[in-house]
PDB file of all heavy atoms in Angstrom:
ATOM      1  N   ALA A   1      -1.923   4.977 -10.888  1.00  0.00           N
ATOM      2  CA  ALA A   1      -2.958   4.160 -11.294  1.00  0.00           C
ATOM      3  C   ALA A   1      -3.959   3.806 -10.284  1.00  0.00           C
ATOM      4  O   ALA A   1      -5.078   3.454 -10.486  1.00  0.00           O
ATOM      5  CB  ALA A   1      -2.349   3.032 -12.063  1.00  0.00           C
ATOM      6  N   LEU A   2      -3.403   3.663  -9.005  1.00  0.00           N
ATOM      7  CA  LEU A   2      -4.356   3.144  -7.822  1.00  0.00           C
ATOM      8  C   LEU A   2      -5.379   4.251  -7.699  1.00  0.00           C
ATOM      9  O   LEU A   2      -6.493   3.834  -7.233  1.00  0.00           O
ATOM     10  CB  LEU A   2      -3.395   3.229  -6.648  1.00  0.00           C
ATOM     11  CG  LEU A   2      -2.548   2.215  -6.506  1.00  0.00           C
ATOM     12  CD1 LEU A   2      -1.625   2.421  -5.217  1.00  0.00           C
ATOM     13  CD2 LEU A   2      -3.074   0.785  -6.355  1.00  0.00           C
ATOM     14  N   LEU A   3      -5.166   5.559  -8.165  1.00  0.00           N
ATOM     15  CA  LEU A   3      -6.282   6.543  -7.788  1.00  0.00           C
ATOM     16  C   LEU A   3      -7.218   6.758  -8.951  1.00  0.00           C
ATOM     17  O   LEU A   3      -8.196   7.551  -8.770  1.00  0.00           O
ATOM     18  CB  LEU A   3      -5.511   7.847  -7.526  1.00  0.00           C
ATOM     19  CG  LEU A   3      -4.369   7.705  -6.395  1.00  0.00           C
ATOM     20  CD1 LEU A   3      -3.746   9.137  -6.212  1.00  0.00           C
ATOM     21  CD2 LEU A   3      -5.098   7.389  -5.039  1.00  0.00           C
ATOM     22  N   ILE A   4      -7.125   6.030  -9.997  1.00  0.00           N
ATOM     23  CA  ILE A   4      -7.948   6.233 -11.198  1.00  0.00           C
ATOM     24  C   ILE A   4      -9.464   5.879 -10.880  1.00  0.00           C
ATOM     25  O   ILE A   4     -10.450   6.587 -11.044  1.00  0.00           O
ATOM     26  CB  ILE A   4      -7.402   5.727 -12.429  1.00  0.00           C
ATOM     27  CG1 ILE A   4      -6.135   6.373 -12.892  1.00  0.00           C
ATOM     28  CG2 ILE A   4      -8.450   5.653 -13.617  1.00  0.00           C
ATOM     29  CD1 ILE A   4      -5.424   5.650 -14.097  1.00  0.00           C
ATOM     30  N   SER A   5      -9.480   4.550 -10.505  1.00  0.00           N
ATOM     31  CA  SER A   5     -10.831   4.000 -10.182  1.00  0.00           C
ATOM     32  C   SER A   5     -10.730   2.768  -9.399  1.00  0.00           C
ATOM     33  O   SER A   5      -9.526   2.169  -9.123  1.00  0.00           O
ATOM     34  CB  SER A   5     -11.547   3.732 -11.513  1.00  0.00           C
ATOM     35  OG  SER A   5     -10.914   2.589 -12.165  1.00  0.00           O
ATOM     36  N   ARG A   6     -11.671   2.220  -8.816  1.00  0.00           N
ATOM     37  CA  ARG A   6     -11.687   0.838  -8.211  1.00  0.00           C
ATOM     38  C   ARG A   6     -11.162  -0.279  -8.931  1.00  0.00           C
ATOM     39  O   ARG A   6     -10.341  -1.100  -8.525  1.00  0.00           O
ATOM     40  CB  ARG A   6     -13.016   0.626  -7.583  1.00  0.00           C
ATOM     41  CG  ARG A   6     -13.079  -0.686  -6.819  1.00  0.00           C
ATOM     42  CD  ARG A   6     -14.438  -0.920  -6.186  1.00  0.00           C
ATOM     43  NE  ARG A   6     -14.799   0.140  -5.028  1.00  0.00           N
ATOM     44  CZ  ARG A   6     -15.800  -0.010  -4.359  1.00  0.00           C
ATOM     45  NH1 ARG A   6     -16.707  -0.871  -4.515  1.00  0.00           N
ATOM     46  NH2 ARG A   6     -16.078   0.996  -3.485  1.00  0.00           N
ATOM     47  N   ALA A   7     -11.580  -0.288 -10.218  1.00  0.00           N
ATOM     48  CA  ALA A   7     -11.117  -1.263 -11.135  1.00  0.00           C
ATOM     49  C   ALA A   7      -9.645  -1.315 -11.216  1.00  0.00           C
ATOM     50  O   ALA A   7      -8.879  -2.265 -11.467  1.00  0.00           O
ATOM     51  CB  ALA A   7     -11.887  -1.281 -12.478  1.00  0.00           C
ATOM     52  N   TRP A   8      -9.091  -0.111 -11.665  1.00  0.00           N
ATOM     53  CA  TRP A   8      -7.722   0.179 -11.768  1.00  0.00           C
ATOM     54  C   TRP A   8      -6.950  -0.239 -10.501  1.00  0.00           C
ATOM     55  O   TRP A   8      -5.837  -0.775 -10.518  1.00  0.00           O
ATOM     56  CB  TRP A   8      -7.258   1.581 -12.141  1.00  0.00           C
ATOM     57  CG  TRP A   8      -7.576   1.930 -13.680  1.00  0.00           C
ATOM     58  CD1 TRP A   8      -8.721   1.882 -14.305  1.00  0.00           C
ATOM     59  CD2 TRP A   8      -6.621   2.138 -14.592  1.00  0.00           C
ATOM     60  NE1 TRP A   8      -8.531   2.218 -15.554  1.00  0.00           N
ATOM     61  CE2 TRP A   8      -7.234   2.349 -15.861  1.00  0.00           C
ATOM     62  CE3 TRP A   8      -5.191   2.292 -14.570  1.00  0.00           C
ATOM     63  CZ2 TRP A   8      -6.487   2.638 -16.972  1.00  0.00           C
ATOM     64  CZ3 TRP A   8      -4.444   2.646 -15.630  1.00  0.00           C
ATOM     65  CH2 TRP A   8      -5.128   2.741 -16.860  1.00  0.00           C
ATOM     66  N   CYS A   9      -7.490   0.050  -9.258  1.00  0.00           N
ATOM     67  CA  CYS A   9      -6.958  -0.206  -8.069  1.00  0.00           C
ATOM     68  C   CYS A   9      -6.654  -1.709  -7.952  1.00  0.00           C
ATOM     69  O   CYS A   9      -5.655  -2.289  -7.476  1.00  0.00           O
ATOM     70  CB  CYS A   9      -7.664   0.474  -6.900  1.00  0.00           C
ATOM     71  SG  CYS A   9      -7.044   0.018  -5.286  1.00  0.00           S
ATOM     72  N   GLN A  10      -7.839  -2.514  -8.264  1.00  0.00           N
ATOM     73  CA  GLN A  10      -7.711  -3.929  -8.078  1.00  0.00           C
ATOM     74  C   GLN A  10      -6.872  -4.615  -8.998  1.00  0.00           C
ATOM     75  O   GLN A  10      -6.193  -5.638  -8.681  1.00  0.00           O
ATOM     76  CB  GLN A  10      -9.149  -4.474  -8.368  1.00  0.00           C
ATOM     77  CG  GLN A  10     -10.259  -4.121  -7.421  1.00  0.00           C
ATOM     78  CD  GLN A  10     -11.635  -4.629  -7.727  1.00  0.00           C
ATOM     79  OE1 GLN A  10     -11.922  -4.779  -8.830  1.00  0.00           O
ATOM     80  NE2 GLN A  10     -12.436  -4.685  -6.774  1.00  0.00           N
ATOM     81  N   CYS A  11      -6.440  -3.833 -10.088  1.00  0.00           N
ATOM     82  CA  CYS A  11      -5.462  -4.455 -11.142  1.00  0.00           C
ATOM     83  C   CYS A  11      -4.039  -4.131 -10.636  1.00  0.00           C
ATOM     84  O   CYS A  11      -3.104  -4.873 -10.971  1.00  0.00           O
ATOM     85  CB  CYS A  11      -5.639  -3.957 -12.496  1.00  0.00           C
ATOM     86  SG  CYS A  11      -7.191  -4.596 -13.254  1.00  0.00           S
ATOM     87  N   THR A  12      -3.922  -2.892 -10.068  1.00  0.00           N
ATOM     88  CA  THR A  12      -2.598  -2.392  -9.658  1.00  0.00           C
ATOM     89  C   THR A  12      -2.038  -2.881  -8.427  1.00  0.00           C
ATOM     90  O   THR A  12      -0.783  -3.134  -8.345  1.00  0.00           O
ATOM     91  CB  THR A  12      -2.557  -0.835  -9.689  1.00  0.00           C
ATOM     92  OG1 THR A  12      -3.113  -0.387 -10.792  1.00  0.00           O
ATOM     93  CG2 THR A  12      -1.261  -0.207  -9.411  1.00  0.00           C
ATOM     94  N   VAL A  13      -2.822  -3.115  -7.380  1.00  0.00           N
ATOM     95  CA  VAL A  13      -2.348  -3.549  -6.135  1.00  0.00           C
ATOM     96  C   VAL A  13      -1.536  -4.917  -6.167  1.00  0.00           C
ATOM     97  O   VAL A  13      -0.491  -4.937  -5.641  1.00  0.00           O
ATOM     98  CB  VAL A  13      -3.442  -3.668  -5.172  1.00  0.00           C
ATOM     99  CG1 VAL A  13      -3.061  -4.467  -3.882  1.00  0.00           C
ATOM    100  CG2 VAL A  13      -3.973  -2.312  -4.714  1.00  0.00           C
ATOM    101  N   PRO A  14      -2.087  -5.917  -6.859  1.00  0.00           N
ATOM    102  CA  PRO A  14      -1.272  -7.099  -7.037  1.00  0.00           C
ATOM    103  C   PRO A  14       0.011  -6.996  -7.677  1.00  0.00           C
ATOM    104  O   PRO A  14       1.057  -7.650  -7.277  1.00  0.00           O
ATOM    105  CB  PRO A  14      -2.137  -8.059  -7.840  1.00  0.00           C
ATOM    106  CG  PRO A  14      -3.553  -7.610  -7.604  1.00  0.00           C
ATOM    107  CD  PRO A  14      -3.263  -6.094  -7.568  1.00  0.00           C
ATOM    108  N   ILE A  15       0.204  -6.038  -8.639  1.00  0.00           N
ATOM    109  CA  ILE A  15       1.526  -5.821  -9.185  1.00  0.00           C
ATOM    110  C   ILE A  15       2.467  -5.205  -8.292  1.00  0.00           C
ATOM    111  O   ILE A  15       3.525  -5.644  -8.219  1.00  0.00           O
ATOM    112  CB  ILE A  15       1.277  -4.776 -10.444  1.00  0.00           C
ATOM    113  CG1 ILE A  15       0.362  -5.515 -11.532  1.00  0.00           C
ATOM    114  CG2 ILE A  15       2.599  -4.483 -11.106  1.00  0.00           C
ATOM    115  CD1 ILE A  15       0.070  -4.521 -12.745  1.00  0.00           C
ATOM    116  N   ILE A  16       1.853  -4.169  -7.420  1.00  0.00           N
ATOM    117  CA  ILE A  16       2.920  -3.600  -6.444  1.00  0.00           C
ATOM    118  C   ILE A  16       3.297  -4.493  -5.380  1.00  0.00           C
ATOM    119  O   ILE A  16       4.576  -4.588  -4.929  1.00  0.00           O
ATOM    120  CB  ILE A  16       2.159  -2.376  -5.918  1.00  0.00           C
ATOM    121  CG1 ILE A  16       1.856  -1.260  -7.007  1.00  0.00           C
ATOM    122  CG2 ILE A  16       2.952  -1.781  -4.745  1.00  0.00           C
ATOM    123  CD1 ILE A  16       1.187  -0.046  -6.433  1.00  0.00           C
ATOM    124  N   TRP A  17       2.351  -5.353  -5.050  1.00  0.00           N
ATOM    125  CA  TRP A  17       2.658  -6.269  -3.934  1.00  0.00           C
ATOM    126  C   TRP A  17       3.468  -7.535  -4.236  1.00  0.00           C
ATOM    127  O   TRP A  17       3.808  -8.363  -3.348  1.00  0.00           O
ATOM    128  CB  TRP A  17       1.353  -6.479  -3.115  1.00  0.00           C
ATOM    129  CG  TRP A  17       1.241  -5.366  -2.138  1.00  0.00           C
ATOM    130  CD1 TRP A  17       0.645  -4.127  -2.322  1.00  0.00           C
ATOM    131  CD2 TRP A  17       1.714  -5.390  -0.683  1.00  0.00           C
ATOM    132  NE1 TRP A  17       0.707  -3.365  -1.161  1.00  0.00           N
ATOM    133  CE2 TRP A  17       1.212  -4.054  -0.167  1.00  0.00           C
ATOM    134  CE3 TRP A  17       2.330  -6.238   0.036  1.00  0.00           C
ATOM    135  CZ2 TRP A  17       1.477  -3.655   1.075  1.00  0.00           C
ATOM    136  CZ3 TRP A  17       2.633  -5.961   1.461  1.00  0.00           C
ATOM    137  CH2 TRP A  17       2.182  -4.630   1.795  1.00  0.00           C
ATOM    138  N   THR A  18       3.570  -7.847  -5.571  1.00  0.00           N
ATOM    139  CA  THR A  18       4.149  -9.042  -5.954  1.00  0.00           C
ATOM    140  C   THR A  18       5.679  -9.086  -5.391  1.00  0.00           C
ATOM    141  O   THR A  18       6.048 -10.110  -4.972  1.00  0.00           O
ATOM    142  CB  THR A  18       4.263  -9.091  -7.557  1.00  0.00           C
ATOM    143  OG1 THR A  18       3.014  -9.238  -8.018  1.00  0.00           O
ATOM    144  CG2 THR A  18       5.079 -10.327  -8.011  1.00  0.00           C
ATOM    145  N   LYS A  19       6.291  -8.032  -5.388  1.00  0.00           N
ATOM    146  CA  LYS A  19       7.776  -7.926  -4.941  1.00  0.00           C
ATOM    147  C   LYS A  19       7.988  -6.573  -4.096  1.00  0.00           C
ATOM    148  O   LYS A  19       8.332  -5.746  -4.738  1.00  0.00           O
ATOM    149  CB  LYS A  19       8.636  -7.959  -6.076  1.00  0.00           C
ATOM    150  CG  LYS A  19      10.072  -8.038  -5.659  1.00  0.00           C
ATOM    151  CD  LYS A  19      11.008  -8.060  -6.907  1.00  0.00           C
ATOM    152  CE  LYS A  19      12.453  -8.111  -6.528  1.00  0.00           C
ATOM    153  NZ  LYS A  19      13.305  -8.198  -7.789  1.00  0.00           N
ATOM    154  N   PRO A  20       7.625  -6.585  -2.865  1.00  0.00           N
ATOM    155  CA  PRO A  20       7.910  -5.442  -2.152  1.00  0.00           C
ATOM    156  C   PRO A  20       9.445  -5.159  -1.981  1.00  0.00           C
ATOM    157  O   PRO A  20      10.144  -6.083  -2.035  1.00  0.00           O
ATOM    158  CB  PRO A  20       7.359  -5.901  -0.534  1.00  0.00           C
ATOM    159  CG  PRO A  20       6.457  -6.994  -0.831  1.00  0.00           C
ATOM    160  CD  PRO A  20       6.949  -7.702  -2.128  1.00  0.00           C
ATOM    161  N   SER A  21       9.741  -3.886  -2.068  1.00  0.00           N
ATOM    162  CA  SER A  21      11.091  -3.429  -2.168  1.00  0.00           C
ATOM    163  C   SER A  21      11.674  -3.019  -0.871  1.00  0.00           C
ATOM    164  O   SER A  21      10.994  -2.180  -0.151  1.00  0.00           O
ATOM    165  CB  SER A  21      11.120  -2.218  -3.296  1.00  0.00           C
ATOM    166  OG  SER A  21      12.485  -1.780  -3.287  1.00  0.00           O
ATOM    167  N   PHE A  22      12.811  -3.490  -0.614  1.00  0.00           N
ATOM    168  CA  PHE A  22      13.468  -3.171   0.686  1.00  0.00           C
ATOM    169  C   PHE A  22      14.925  -2.693   0.288  1.00  0.00           C
ATOM    170  O   PHE A  22      15.632  -3.266  -0.491  1.00  0.00           O
ATOM    171  CB  PHE A  22      13.673  -4.249   1.680  1.00  0.00           C
ATOM    172  CG  PHE A  22      12.412  -4.848   1.891  1.00  0.00           C
ATOM    173  CD1 PHE A  22      12.097  -6.196   1.503  1.00  0.00           C
ATOM    174  CD2 PHE A  22      11.443  -4.270   2.653  1.00  0.00           C
ATOM    175  CE1 PHE A  22      10.859  -6.771   1.929  1.00  0.00           C
ATOM    176  CE2 PHE A  22      10.149  -4.939   2.971  1.00  0.00           C
ATOM    177  CZ  PHE A  22       9.863  -6.126   2.592  1.00  0.00           C
ATOM    178  N   THR A  23      15.415  -1.454   0.912  1.00  0.00           N
ATOM    179  CA  THR A  23      16.801  -1.026   0.605  1.00  0.00           C
ATOM    180  C   THR A  23      17.438  -0.698   1.934  1.00  0.00           C
ATOM    181  O   THR A  23      16.675  -0.277   3.003  1.00  0.00           O
ATOM    182  CB  THR A  23      16.717   0.159  -0.216  1.00  0.00           C
ATOM    183  OG1 THR A  23      16.061   1.279   0.513  1.00  0.00           O
ATOM    184  CG2 THR A  23      15.922  -0.017  -1.646  1.00  0.00           C
ATOM    185  N   ALA A  24      18.704  -0.661   2.028  1.00  0.00           N
ATOM    186  CA  ALA A  24      19.439  -0.231   3.267  1.00  0.00           C
ATOM    187  C   ALA A  24      19.211   1.199   3.578  1.00  0.00           C
ATOM    188  O   ALA A  24      19.326   1.650   4.549  1.00  0.00           O
ATOM    189  CB  ALA A  24      20.887  -0.586   3.001  1.00  0.00           C
ATOM    190  N   LYS A  25      18.950   1.996   2.460  1.00  0.00           N
ATOM    191  CA  LYS A  25      18.711   3.474   2.671  1.00  0.00           C
ATOM    192  C   LYS A  25      17.379   3.768   3.356  1.00  0.00           C
ATOM    193  O   LYS A  25      17.176   4.840   3.846  1.00  0.00           O
ATOM    194  CB  LYS A  25      18.897   4.215   1.361  1.00  0.00           C
ATOM    195  CG  LYS A  25      20.260   4.136   0.724  1.00  0.00           C
ATOM    196  CD  LYS A  25      20.336   4.805  -0.631  1.00  0.00           C
ATOM    197  CE  LYS A  25      21.689   4.858  -1.159  1.00  0.00           C
ATOM    198  NZ  LYS A  25      21.729   5.619  -2.558  1.00  0.00           N
ATOM    199  N   ASP A  26      16.494   2.839   3.263  1.00  0.00           N
ATOM    200  CA  ASP A  26      15.124   3.022   3.897  1.00  0.00           C
ATOM    201  C   ASP A  26      14.741   1.886   4.767  1.00  0.00           C
ATOM    202  O   ASP A  26      13.964   1.035   4.531  1.00  0.00           O
ATOM    203  CB  ASP A  26      14.123   3.203   2.692  1.00  0.00           C
ATOM    204  CG  ASP A  26      12.779   3.549   3.222  1.00  0.00           C
ATOM    205  OD1 ASP A  26      12.647   3.944   4.500  1.00  0.00           O
ATOM    206  OD2 ASP A  26      11.744   3.366   2.480  1.00  0.00           O
ATOM    207  N   PRO A  27      15.326   1.857   6.011  1.00  0.00           N
ATOM    208  CA  PRO A  27      15.170   0.757   6.894  1.00  0.00           C
ATOM    209  C   PRO A  27      13.704   0.686   7.409  1.00  0.00           C
ATOM    210  O   PRO A  27      13.368  -0.350   7.969  1.00  0.00           O
ATOM    211  CB  PRO A  27      16.086   1.006   8.015  1.00  0.00           C
ATOM    212  CG  PRO A  27      16.429   2.517   7.953  1.00  0.00           C
ATOM    213  CD  PRO A  27      16.407   2.883   6.488  1.00  0.00           C
ATOM    214  N   LYS A  28      12.948   1.738   7.399  1.00  0.00           N
ATOM    215  CA  LYS A  28      11.624   1.818   7.766  1.00  0.00           C
ATOM    216  C   LYS A  28      10.579   1.055   6.865  1.00  0.00           C
ATOM    217  O   LYS A  28       9.474   0.783   7.310  1.00  0.00           O
ATOM    218  CB  LYS A  28      11.140   3.127   7.993  1.00  0.00           C
ATOM    219  CG  LYS A  28      11.824   3.966   9.168  1.00  0.00           C
ATOM    220  CD  LYS A  28      11.265   5.354   9.348  1.00  0.00           C
ATOM    221  CE  LYS A  28      12.028   6.043  10.576  1.00  0.00           C
ATOM    222  NZ  LYS A  28      11.487   7.420  10.697  1.00  0.00           N
TER     223      LYS A  28
END
């Protein structure tokens, strides 16, 4: 959805960044 348009990007980014995901399998 980020790649559809600027408007879609502005709506999608806050959703993704509300809760960044961290796992032991991906320490980076």
